[in-house]
PDB file of N, CA and C in Angstrom:
ATOM      1  N   TRP A   1      86.156-142.305 -37.660  1.00  0.00           N
ATOM      2  CA  TRP A   1      87.460-142.944 -37.707  1.00  0.00           C
ATOM      3  C   TRP A   1      87.468-144.089 -36.711  1.00  0.00           C
ATOM      4  N   LYS A   2      88.133-145.175 -37.119  1.00  0.00           N
ATOM      5  CA  LYS A   2      88.207-146.370 -36.292  1.00  0.00           C
ATOM      6  C   LYS A   2      89.598-146.994 -36.441  1.00  0.00           C
ATOM      7  N   ILE A   3      90.166-147.480 -35.350  1.00  0.00           N
ATOM      8  CA  ILE A   3      91.444-148.202 -35.423  1.00  0.00           C
ATOM      9  C   ILE A   3      91.177-149.551 -36.070  1.00  0.00           C
ATOM     10  N   VAL A   4      91.894-149.860 -37.158  1.00  0.00           N
ATOM     11  CA  VAL A   4      91.655-151.106 -37.881  1.00  0.00           C
ATOM     12  C   VAL A   4      92.835-152.074 -37.833  1.00  0.00           C
ATOM     13  N   GLU A   5      94.011-151.580 -37.412  1.00  0.00           N
ATOM     14  CA  GLU A   5      95.175-152.468 -37.322  1.00  0.00           C
ATOM     15  C   GLU A   5      96.199-151.860 -36.373  1.00  0.00           C
ATOM     16  N   VAL A   6      96.873-152.703 -35.603  1.00  0.00           N
ATOM     17  CA  VAL A   6      97.941-152.271 -34.705  1.00  0.00           C
ATOM     18  C   VAL A   6      99.118-153.231 -34.840  1.00  0.00           C
ATOM     19  N   GLY A   7     100.300-152.756 -34.477  1.00  0.00           N
ATOM     20  CA  GLY A   7     101.482-153.613 -34.507  1.00  0.00           C
ATOM     21  C   GLY A   7     102.009-153.895 -35.902  1.00  0.00           C
ATOM     22  N   LEU A   8     101.664-153.060 -36.853  1.00  0.00           N
ATOM     23  CA  LEU A   8     102.050-153.247 -38.252  1.00  0.00           C
ATOM     24  C   LEU A   8     103.501-152.810 -38.475  1.00  0.00           C
ATOM     25  N   THR A   9     104.199-153.472 -39.372  1.00  0.00           N
ATOM     26  CA  THR A   9     105.503-153.029 -39.853  1.00  0.00           C
ATOM     27  C   THR A   9     105.276-152.404 -41.219  1.00  0.00           C
ATOM     28  N   LEU A  10     105.756-151.160 -41.402  1.00  0.00           N
ATOM     29  CA  LEU A  10     105.517-150.438 -42.652  1.00  0.00           C
ATOM     30  C   LEU A  10     106.829-149.890 -43.182  1.00  0.00           C
ATOM     31  N   GLU A  11     107.152-150.240 -44.411  1.00  0.00           N
ATOM     32  CA  GLU A  11     108.362-149.752 -45.067  1.00  0.00           C
ATOM     33  C   GLU A  11     108.020-148.500 -45.865  1.00  0.00           C
ATOM     34  N   THR A  12     108.787-147.437 -45.642  1.00  0.00           N
ATOM     35  CA  THR A  12     108.638-146.199 -46.401  1.00  0.00           C
ATOM     36  C   THR A  12     109.996-145.865 -47.018  1.00  0.00           C
ATOM     37  N   PRO A  13     110.043-144.905 -47.936  1.00  0.00           N
ATOM     38  CA  PRO A  13     111.351-144.496 -48.470  1.00  0.00           C
ATOM     39  C   PRO A  13     112.282-143.953 -47.385  1.00  0.00           C
ATOM     40  N   TYR A  14     111.727-143.421 -46.290  1.00  0.00           N
ATOM     41  CA  TYR A  14     112.535-142.867 -45.216  1.00  0.00           C
ATOM     42  C   TYR A  14     113.150-143.956 -44.352  1.00  0.00           C
ATOM     43  N   GLU A  15     112.333-144.895 -43.882  1.00  0.00           N
ATOM     44  CA  GLU A  15     112.803-146.032 -43.081  1.00  0.00           C
ATOM     45  C   GLU A  15     111.663-147.013 -42.886  1.00  0.00           C
ATOM     46  N   THR A  16     111.959-148.141 -42.279  1.00  0.00           N
ATOM     47  CA  THR A  16     110.939-149.125 -41.935  1.00  0.00           C
ATOM     48  C   THR A  16     110.505-148.870 -40.500  1.00  0.00           C
ATOM     49  N   PHE A  17     109.210-148.732 -40.305  1.00  0.00           N
ATOM     50  CA  PHE A  17     108.638-148.438 -38.996  1.00  0.00           C
ATOM     51  C   PHE A  17     107.991-149.686 -38.406  1.00  0.00           C
ATOM     52  N   GLU A  18     108.182-149.866 -37.104  1.00  0.00           N
ATOM     53  CA  GLU A  18     107.574-150.970 -36.360  1.00  0.00           C
ATOM     54  C   GLU A  18     106.427-150.416 -35.510  1.00  0.00           C
ATOM     55  N   ASN A  19     105.523-151.294 -35.130  1.00  0.00           N
ATOM     56  CA  ASN A  19     104.401-150.944 -34.234  1.00  0.00           C
ATOM     57  C   ASN A  19     103.554-149.785 -34.761  1.00  0.00           C
ATOM     58  N   VAL A  20     103.321-149.773 -36.041  1.00  0.00           N
ATOM     59  CA  VAL A  20     102.467-148.778 -36.677  1.00  0.00           C
ATOM     60  C   VAL A  20     101.009-149.136 -36.406  1.00  0.00           C
ATOM     61  N   PHE A  21     100.167-148.116 -36.213  1.00  0.00           N
ATOM     62  CA  PHE A  21      98.738-148.392 -36.140  1.00  0.00           C
ATOM     63  C   PHE A  21      98.018-147.631 -37.248  1.00  0.00           C
ATOM     64  N   VAL A  22      96.870-148.173 -37.654  1.00  0.00           N
ATOM     65  CA  VAL A  22      96.132-147.657 -38.797  1.00  0.00           C
ATOM     66  C   VAL A  22      94.726-147.268 -38.348  1.00  0.00           C
ATOM     67  N   ILE A  23      94.309-146.049 -38.749  1.00  0.00           N
ATOM     68  CA  ILE A  23      92.919-145.653 -38.527  1.00  0.00           C
ATOM     69  C   ILE A  23      92.260-145.508 -39.895  1.00  0.00           C
ATOM     70  N   GLU A  24      90.954-145.710 -39.913  1.00  0.00           N
ATOM     71  CA  GLU A  24      90.253-145.722 -41.184  1.00  0.00           C
ATOM     72  C   GLU A  24      88.892-145.046 -41.048  1.00  0.00           C
ATOM     73  N   GLU A  25      88.537-144.290 -42.067  1.00  0.00           N
ATOM     74  CA  GLU A  25      87.211-143.689 -42.189  1.00  0.00           C
ATOM     75  C   GLU A  25      86.582-144.284 -43.443  1.00  0.00           C
ATOM     76  N   VAL A  26      85.428-144.903 -43.304  1.00  0.00           N
ATOM     77  CA  VAL A  26      84.754-145.534 -44.435  1.00  0.00           C
ATOM     78  C   VAL A  26      83.423-144.826 -44.676  1.00  0.00           C
ATOM     79  N   GLN A  27      83.232-144.393 -45.908  1.00  0.00           N
ATOM     80  CA  GLN A  27      81.971-143.800 -46.337  1.00  0.00           C
ATOM     81  C   GLN A  27      81.428-144.613 -47.506  1.00  0.00           C
ATOM     82  N   ASP A  28      80.282-144.231 -48.030  1.00  0.00           N
ATOM     83  CA  ASP A  28      79.644-144.998 -49.105  1.00  0.00           C
ATOM     84  C   ASP A  28      80.532-145.173 -50.335  1.00  0.00           C
ATOM     85  N   ASP A  29      81.253-144.122 -50.728  1.00  0.00           N
ATOM     86  CA  ASP A  29      82.016-144.207 -51.970  1.00  0.00           C
ATOM     87  C   ASP A  29      83.525-143.996 -51.808  1.00  0.00           C
ATOM     88  N   TYR A  30      84.008-143.901 -50.568  1.00  0.00           N
ATOM     89  CA  TYR A  30      85.449-143.746 -50.384  1.00  0.00           C
ATOM     90  C   TYR A  30      85.914-144.304 -49.037  1.00  0.00           C
ATOM     91  N   VAL A  31      87.240-144.514 -48.963  1.00  0.00           N
ATOM     92  CA  VAL A  31      87.904-144.959 -47.735  1.00  0.00           C
ATOM     93  C   VAL A  31      89.129-144.075 -47.533  1.00  0.00           C
ATOM     94  N   ASN A  32      89.306-143.546 -46.333  1.00  0.00           N
ATOM     95  CA  ASN A  32      90.501-142.806 -45.923  1.00  0.00           C
ATOM     96  C   ASN A  32      91.255-143.669 -44.920  1.00  0.00           C
ATOM     97  N   ARG A  33      92.569-143.826 -45.103  1.00  0.00           N
ATOM     98  CA  ARG A  33      93.400-144.557 -44.145  1.00  0.00           C
ATOM     99  C   ARG A  33      94.592-143.701 -43.766  1.00  0.00           C
ATOM    100  N   LYS A  34      94.956-143.740 -42.490  1.00  0.00           N
ATOM    101  CA  LYS A  34      96.143-143.044 -42.003  1.00  0.00           C
ATOM    102  C   LYS A  34      96.965-144.011 -41.161  1.00  0.00           C
ATOM    103  N   TYR A  35      98.272-143.992 -41.386  1.00  0.00           N
ATOM    104  CA  TYR A  35      99.221-144.864 -40.699  1.00  0.00           C
ATOM    105  C   TYR A  35     100.073-144.008 -39.785  1.00  0.00           C
ATOM    106  N   PHE A  36     100.153-144.366 -38.507  1.00  0.00           N
ATOM    107  CA  PHE A  36     100.876-143.575 -37.513  1.00  0.00           C
ATOM    108  C   PHE A  36     101.991-144.380 -36.858  1.00  0.00           C
ATOM    109  N   ALA A  37     103.133-143.706 -36.629  1.00  0.00           N
ATOM    110  CA  ALA A  37     104.263-144.306 -35.922  1.00  0.00           C
ATOM    111  C   ALA A  37     104.628-143.418 -34.738  1.00  0.00           C
ATOM    112  N   GLU A  38     104.976-144.051 -33.636  1.00  0.00           N
ATOM    113  CA  GLU A  38     105.370-143.319 -32.432  1.00  0.00           C
ATOM    114  C   GLU A  38     106.548-142.401 -32.734  1.00  0.00           C
ATOM    115  N   ASN A  39     106.512-141.197 -32.192  1.00  0.00           N
ATOM    116  CA  ASN A  39     107.526-140.147 -32.352  1.00  0.00           C
ATOM    117  C   ASN A  39     107.571-139.537 -33.751  1.00  0.00           C
ATOM    118  N   TYR A  40     106.706-139.972 -34.674  1.00  0.00           N
ATOM    119  CA  TYR A  40     106.669-139.426 -36.027  1.00  0.00           C
ATOM    120  C   TYR A  40     105.288-138.901 -36.400  1.00  0.00           C
ATOM    121  N   GLY A  41     104.250-139.533 -35.922  1.00  0.00           N
ATOM    122  CA  GLY A  41     102.892-139.148 -36.311  1.00  0.00           C
ATOM    123  C   GLY A  41     102.478-139.848 -37.588  1.00  0.00           C
ATOM    124  N   ASP A  42     101.782-139.106 -38.445  1.00  0.00           N
ATOM    125  CA  ASP A  42     101.240-139.637 -39.698  1.00  0.00           C
ATOM    126  C   ASP A  42     102.380-139.884 -40.683  1.00  0.00           C
ATOM    127  N   ILE A  43     102.636-141.162 -41.014  1.00  0.00           N
ATOM    128  CA  ILE A  43     103.724-141.496 -41.933  1.00  0.00           C
ATOM    129  C   ILE A  43     103.223-141.942 -43.304  1.00  0.00           C
ATOM    130  N   LYS A  44     101.931-142.249 -43.392  1.00  0.00           N
ATOM    131  CA  LYS A  44     101.355-142.625 -44.677  1.00  0.00           C
ATOM    132  C   LYS A  44      99.861-142.351 -44.632  1.00  0.00           C
ATOM    133  N   SER A  45      99.322-141.859 -45.760  1.00  0.00           N
ATOM    134  CA  SER A  45      97.887-141.633 -45.889  1.00  0.00           C
ATOM    135  C   SER A  45      97.434-142.187 -47.229  1.00  0.00           C
ATOM    136  N   GLU A  46      96.239-142.760 -47.244  1.00  0.00           N
ATOM    137  CA  GLU A  46      95.653-143.277 -48.477  1.00  0.00           C
ATOM    138  C   GLU A  46      94.206-142.814 -48.575  1.00  0.00           C
ATOM    139  N   PHE A  47      93.802-142.430 -49.775  1.00  0.00           N
ATOM    140  CA  PHE A  47      92.418-142.098 -50.071  1.00  0.00           C
ATOM    141  C   PHE A  47      92.025-142.936 -51.269  1.00  0.00           C
ATOM    142  N   LEU A  48      90.986-143.747 -51.125  1.00  0.00           N
ATOM    143  CA  LEU A  48      90.515-144.601 -52.215  1.00  0.00           C
ATOM    144  C   LEU A  48      89.045-144.301 -52.467  1.00  0.00           C
ATOM    145  N   MET A  49      88.706-144.013 -53.728  1.00  0.00           N
ATOM    146  CA  MET A  49      87.328-143.680 -54.071  1.00  0.00           C
ATOM    147  C   MET A  49      86.879-144.541 -55.244  1.00  0.00           C
ATOM    148  N   GLU A  50      85.695-145.106 -55.109  1.00  0.00           N
ATOM    149  CA  GLU A  50      85.122-145.888 -56.199  1.00  0.00           C
ATOM    150  C   GLU A  50      84.828-144.971 -57.381  1.00  0.00           C
ATOM    151  N   THR A  51      85.086-145.480 -58.592  1.00  0.00           N
ATOM    152  CA  THR A  51      84.811-144.731 -59.811  1.00  0.00           C
ATOM    153  C   THR A  51      84.043-145.627 -60.768  1.00  0.00           C
ATOM    154  N   ASP A  52      83.685-145.074 -61.903  1.00  0.00           N
ATOM    155  CA  ASP A  52      83.006-145.870 -62.931  1.00  0.00           C
ATOM    156  C   ASP A  52      83.972-146.805 -63.648  1.00  0.00           C
ATOM    157  N   GLY A  53      85.278-146.561 -63.494  1.00  0.00           N
ATOM    158  CA  GLY A  53      86.287-147.417 -64.116  1.00  0.00           C
ATOM    159  C   GLY A  53      86.467-148.704 -63.343  1.00  0.00           C
ATOM    160  N   GLU A  54      87.392-149.535 -63.786  1.00  0.00           N
ATOM    161  CA  GLU A  54      87.636-150.824 -63.149  1.00  0.00           C
ATOM    162  C   GLU A  54      88.409-150.695 -61.837  1.00  0.00           C
ATOM    163  N   GLU A  55      89.291-149.709 -61.755  1.00  0.00           N
ATOM    164  CA  GLU A  55      90.099-149.533 -60.559  1.00  0.00           C
ATOM    165  C   GLU A  55      89.659-148.284 -59.803  1.00  0.00           C
ATOM    166  N   PRO A  56      89.771-148.303 -58.451  1.00  0.00           N
ATOM    167  CA  PRO A  56      89.399-147.106 -57.695  1.00  0.00           C
ATOM    168  C   PRO A  56      90.419-145.978 -57.907  1.00  0.00           C
ATOM    169  N   PHE A  57      89.968-144.742 -57.733  1.00  0.00           N
ATOM    170  CA  PHE A  57      90.835-143.575 -57.751  1.00  0.00           C
ATOM    171  C   PHE A  57      91.581-143.567 -56.425  1.00  0.00           C
ATOM    172  N   THR A  58      92.925-143.511 -56.466  1.00  0.00           N
ATOM    173  CA  THR A  58      93.736-143.618 -55.254  1.00  0.00           C
ATOM    174  C   THR A  58      94.722-142.461 -55.160  1.00  0.00           C
ATOM    175  N   VAL A  59      94.808-141.864 -53.965  1.00  0.00           N
ATOM    176  CA  VAL A  59      95.813-140.854 -53.664  1.00  0.00           C
ATOM    177  C   VAL A  59      96.582-141.335 -52.441  1.00  0.00           C
ATOM    178  N   THR A  60      97.914-141.402 -52.552  1.00  0.00           N
ATOM    179  CA  THR A  60      98.751-141.900 -51.463  1.00  0.00           C
ATOM    180  C   THR A  60      99.847-140.880 -51.149  1.00  0.00           C
ATOM    181  N   SER A  61     100.093-140.689 -49.858  1.00  0.00           N
ATOM    182  CA  SER A  61     101.165-139.818 -49.390  1.00  0.00           C
ATOM    183  C   SER A  61     101.999-140.623 -48.398  1.00  0.00           C
ATOM    184  N   VAL A  62     103.333-140.646 -48.610  1.00  0.00           N
ATOM    185  CA  VAL A  62     104.221-141.450 -47.760  1.00  0.00           C
ATOM    186  C   VAL A  62     105.437-140.605 -47.356  1.00  0.00           C
ATOM    187  N   LEU A  63     105.850-140.755 -46.087  1.00  0.00           N
ATOM    188  CA  LEU A  63     107.031-140.048 -45.591  1.00  0.00           C
ATOM    189  C   LEU A  63     108.270-140.480 -46.366  1.00  0.00           C
ATOM    190  N   GLU A  64     108.984-139.487 -46.963  1.00  0.00           N
ATOM    191  CA  GLU A  64     110.187-139.785 -47.722  1.00  0.00           C
ATOM    192  C   GLU A  64     111.453-139.283 -47.044  1.00  0.00           C
ATOM    193  N   LYS A  65     111.357-138.135 -46.328  1.00  0.00           N
ATOM    194  CA  LYS A  65     112.550-137.617 -45.672  1.00  0.00           C
ATOM    195  C   LYS A  65     112.148-136.690 -44.534  1.00  0.00           C
ATOM    196  N   MET A  66     113.084-136.471 -43.612  1.00  0.00           N
ATOM    197  CA  MET A  66     112.910-135.556 -42.494  1.00  0.00           C
ATOM    198  C   MET A  66     114.011-134.505 -42.603  1.00  0.00           C
ATOM    199  N   GLU A  67     113.654-133.254 -42.407  1.00  0.00           N
ATOM    200  CA  GLU A  67     114.655-132.190 -42.470  1.00  0.00           C
ATOM    201  C   GLU A  67     114.678-131.438 -41.171  1.00  0.00           C
TER     202      GLU A  67
END
């Protein structure tokens, strides 16, 4: 894992977060990304994997609500 971006503004269904940082894990056939906000932790995750098709296989998880 490596920090790839800091100071990002990220809009989610829950709210817009400031000063988000992003960590990334890159392997031969996939990329994992996690977006973190202070006092919240992981607010967005992305998994992208190369496939035989034209577009990569993507799984995304985003913070929608807090209970």
